[in-house]
C-alpha atoms as a PDB file:
ATOM      1  CA  UNK A   1       4.534  13.305 -10.488  1.00  0.00           C
ATOM      2  CA  UNK A   2       3.580  11.570 -13.347  1.00  0.00           C
ATOM      3  CA  UNK A   3       0.398   9.276 -13.763  1.00  0.00           C
ATOM      4  CA  UNK A   4       1.577   5.601 -13.515  1.00  0.00           C
ATOM      5  CA  UNK A   5       4.409   6.702 -10.782  1.00  0.00           C
ATOM      6  CA  UNK A   6       4.618   4.020  -8.098  1.00  0.00           C
ATOM      7  CA  UNK A   7       3.870   6.558  -4.761  1.00  0.00           C
ATOM      8  CA  UNK A   8       3.569   3.971  -1.737  1.00  0.00           C
ATOM      9  CA  UNK A   9       4.483   1.017  -0.541  1.00  0.00           C
ATOM     10  CA  UNK A  10       3.541  -1.396   1.951  1.00  0.00           C
ATOM     11  CA  UNK A  11       4.661  -4.537   3.936  1.00  0.00           C
ATOM     12  CA  UNK A  12       2.376  -6.156   6.213  1.00  0.00           C
ATOM     13  CA  UNK A  13       2.117  -9.294   8.561  1.00  0.00           C
ATOM     14  CA  UNK A  14       1.647 -11.358  11.632  1.00  0.00           C
ATOM     15  CA  UNK A  15       4.888 -10.160  13.175  1.00  0.00           C
ATOM     16  CA  UNK A  16       5.401  -6.099  12.919  1.00  0.00           C
ATOM     17  CA  UNK A  17       8.402  -5.585  15.152  1.00  0.00           C
ATOM     18  CA  UNK A  18      10.082  -8.163  13.265  1.00  0.00           C
ATOM     19  CA  UNK A  19       8.639  -7.006   9.927  1.00  0.00           C
ATOM     20  CA  UNK A  20       9.978  -3.245  11.238  1.00  0.00           C
ATOM     21  CA  UNK A  21      13.259  -4.433  12.135  1.00  0.00           C
ATOM     22  CA  UNK A  22      14.270  -6.644   9.269  1.00  0.00           C
ATOM     23  CA  UNK A  23      13.575  -3.957   6.673  1.00  0.00           C
ATOM     24  CA  UNK A  24      15.210  -1.215   8.910  1.00  0.00           C
ATOM     25  CA  UNK A  25      18.220  -3.401   9.554  1.00  0.00           C
ATOM     26  CA  UNK A  26      18.335  -4.474   5.838  1.00  0.00           C
ATOM     27  CA  UNK A  27      17.975  -1.574   4.161  1.00  0.00           C
ATOM     28  CA  UNK A  28      18.963   1.263   7.041  1.00  0.00           C
ATOM     29  CA  UNK A  29      15.203   2.964   7.202  1.00  0.00           C
ATOM     30  CA  UNK A  30      14.748   5.284   9.597  1.00  0.00           C
ATOM     31  CA  UNK A  31      10.924   4.595  10.415  1.00  0.00           C
ATOM     32  CA  UNK A  32       8.908   6.890  11.749  1.00  0.00           C
ATOM     33  CA  UNK A  33       6.401   4.728  14.220  1.00  0.00           C
ATOM     34  CA  UNK A  34       4.624   7.537  15.520  1.00  0.00           C
ATOM     35  CA  UNK A  35       1.629   6.475  13.968  1.00  0.00           C
ATOM     36  CA  UNK A  36      -1.613   4.591  14.968  1.00  0.00           C
ATOM     37  CA  UNK A  37      -1.041   0.948  16.137  1.00  0.00           C
ATOM     38  CA  UNK A  38       2.391   1.978  15.928  1.00  0.00           C
ATOM     39  CA  UNK A  39       2.551   1.510  11.978  1.00  0.00           C
ATOM     40  CA  UNK A  40       6.391   2.317  10.591  1.00  0.00           C
ATOM     41  CA  UNK A  41       6.348   4.932   7.713  1.00  0.00           C
ATOM     42  CA  UNK A  42       9.691   5.761   6.149  1.00  0.00           C
ATOM     43  CA  UNK A  43       9.909   8.090   3.112  1.00  0.00           C
ATOM     44  CA  UNK A  44      12.526   8.339   0.092  1.00  0.00           C
ATOM     45  CA  UNK A  45      12.084  11.181  -2.152  1.00  0.00           C
ATOM     46  CA  UNK A  46       8.402  11.815  -3.626  1.00  0.00           C
ATOM     47  CA  UNK A  47       7.739   7.664  -2.186  1.00  0.00           C
ATOM     48  CA  UNK A  48       6.709   6.662   1.297  1.00  0.00           C
ATOM     49  CA  UNK A  49       6.598   3.253   2.485  1.00  0.00           C
ATOM     50  CA  UNK A  50       4.770   1.459   5.408  1.00  0.00           C
ATOM     51  CA  UNK A  51       5.544  -1.590   7.699  1.00  0.00           C
ATOM     52  CA  UNK A  52       2.658  -3.090   9.770  1.00  0.00           C
ATOM     53  CA  UNK A  53       0.665  -5.815  11.161  1.00  0.00           C
ATOM     54  CA  UNK A  54      -2.199  -7.239   9.473  1.00  0.00           C
ATOM     55  CA  UNK A  55      -5.650  -5.967  10.920  1.00  0.00           C
ATOM     56  CA  UNK A  56      -6.783  -9.702  11.504  1.00  0.00           C
ATOM     57  CA  UNK A  57      -3.490 -11.349  11.996  1.00  0.00           C
ATOM     58  CA  UNK A  58      -3.527 -13.404   8.744  1.00  0.00           C
ATOM     59  CA  UNK A  59      -0.501 -14.330   6.753  1.00  0.00           C
ATOM     60  CA  UNK A  60       1.154 -10.913   4.978  1.00  0.00           C
ATOM     61  CA  UNK A  61       1.675  -9.452   1.725  1.00  0.00           C
ATOM     62  CA  UNK A  62       3.463  -6.474   0.185  1.00  0.00           C
ATOM     63  CA  UNK A  63       1.381  -4.090  -1.932  1.00  0.00           C
ATOM     64  CA  UNK A  64       2.266  -1.390  -3.946  1.00  0.00           C
ATOM     65  CA  UNK A  65       0.095   1.786  -4.683  1.00  0.00           C
ATOM     66  CA  UNK A  66       0.421   4.025  -8.139  1.00  0.00           C
ATOM     67  CA  UNK A  67      -0.730   7.499  -8.726  1.00  0.00           C
ATOM     68  CA  UNK A  68      -3.453   7.797 -11.416  1.00  0.00           C
ATOM     69  CA  UNK A  69      -5.260  11.114 -12.830  1.00  0.00           C
ATOM     70  CA  UNK A  70      -8.538   9.099 -12.553  1.00  0.00           C
ATOM     71  CA  UNK A  71      -8.878   6.030 -10.058  1.00  0.00           C
ATOM     72  CA  UNK A  72     -12.485   5.213 -11.288  1.00  0.00           C
ATOM     73  CA  UNK A  73     -11.640   4.980 -14.875  1.00  0.00           C
ATOM     74  CA  UNK A  74      -8.846   3.059 -13.957  1.00  0.00           C
ATOM     75  CA  UNK A  75     -10.460   0.854 -11.389  1.00  0.00           C
ATOM     76  CA  UNK A  76     -12.968   0.083 -14.508  1.00  0.00           C
ATOM     77  CA  UNK A  77      -9.971  -0.726 -17.087  1.00  0.00           C
ATOM     78  CA  UNK A  78      -8.734  -3.170 -13.726  1.00  0.00           C
ATOM     79  CA  UNK A  79     -12.375  -4.931 -14.089  1.00  0.00           C
ATOM     80  CA  UNK A  80     -12.176  -4.345 -17.978  1.00  0.00           C
ATOM     81  CA  UNK A  81      -9.085  -6.501 -18.057  1.00  0.00           C
ATOM     82  CA  UNK A  82     -10.098  -9.267 -15.488  1.00  0.00           C
ATOM     83  CA  UNK A  83      -9.226  -7.393 -12.551  1.00  0.00           C
ATOM     84  CA  UNK A  84     -11.639  -7.226  -9.477  1.00  0.00           C
ATOM     85  CA  UNK A  85     -12.508  -4.430  -6.977  1.00  0.00           C
ATOM     86  CA  UNK A  86     -11.021  -5.455  -3.479  1.00  0.00           C
ATOM     87  CA  UNK A  87     -11.685  -2.009  -1.767  1.00  0.00           C
ATOM     88  CA  UNK A  88     -13.997   0.338  -3.608  1.00  0.00           C
ATOM     89  CA  UNK A  89     -12.276   3.647  -4.035  1.00  0.00           C
ATOM     90  CA  UNK A  90     -12.811   5.814  -0.407  1.00  0.00           C
ATOM     91  CA  UNK A  91     -10.922   8.321   1.647  1.00  0.00           C
ATOM     92  CA  UNK A  92      -8.837   6.312   4.529  1.00  0.00           C
ATOM     93  CA  UNK A  93      -7.398   9.225   6.271  1.00  0.00           C
ATOM     94  CA  UNK A  94      -7.452  12.814   5.832  1.00  0.00           C
ATOM     95  CA  UNK A  95      -6.081  14.035   2.514  1.00  0.00           C
ATOM     96  CA  UNK A  96      -5.290   9.736   1.631  1.00  0.00           C
ATOM     97  CA  UNK A  97      -7.783   8.376  -1.268  1.00  0.00           C
ATOM     98  CA  UNK A  98      -7.261   4.641  -2.383  1.00  0.00           C
ATOM     99  CA  UNK A  99      -8.795   1.663  -3.789  1.00  0.00           C
ATOM    100  CA  UNK A 100      -7.432  -1.779  -3.874  1.00  0.00           C
ATOM    101  CA  UNK A 101      -8.079  -3.754  -7.166  1.00  0.00           C
ATOM    102  CA  UNK A 102      -6.712  -7.314  -7.875  1.00  0.00           C
ATOM    103  CA  UNK A 103      -5.216  -8.507 -10.786  1.00  0.00           C
ATOM    104  CA  UNK A 104      -6.450 -11.903 -12.924  1.00  0.00           C
ATOM    105  CA  UNK A 105      -4.196 -13.965 -10.416  1.00  0.00           C
ATOM    106  CA  UNK A 106      -5.501 -12.092  -7.290  1.00  0.00           C
ATOM    107  CA  UNK A 107      -2.478  -9.707  -6.585  1.00  0.00           C
ATOM    108  CA  UNK A 108      -3.422  -6.800  -4.615  1.00  0.00           C
ATOM    109  CA  UNK A 109      -2.620  -3.283  -6.629  1.00  0.00           C
ATOM    110  CA  UNK A 110      -3.333  -0.075  -4.998  1.00  0.00           C
ATOM    111  CA  UNK A 111      -5.157   2.882  -6.934  1.00  0.00           C
ATOM    112  CA  UNK A 112      -4.371   6.539  -5.853  1.00  0.00           C
END
């Protein structure tokens, strides 16, 4: 998988069961809900996705995560181009490391 490839997409919102049902029914996605909090995971080739609830019950969003060779350099480039760091690069689960950056208008993008 080359740098710049989208590797994960996440949809979160207030009503996790309704969102999971909507996307599962709409696209025929088989969701694995045997995850923390019932987070629904799916796979399409090398792309993974997840559908869950926002941790604080706030309005939802869609985030895409992009593979990069040097996450720290990508974060620096994001900031140099008017973006900001929302979540610093960190390991959030075994073998899952990412950062969240916002573009100049506040849209969130994951850097993996």
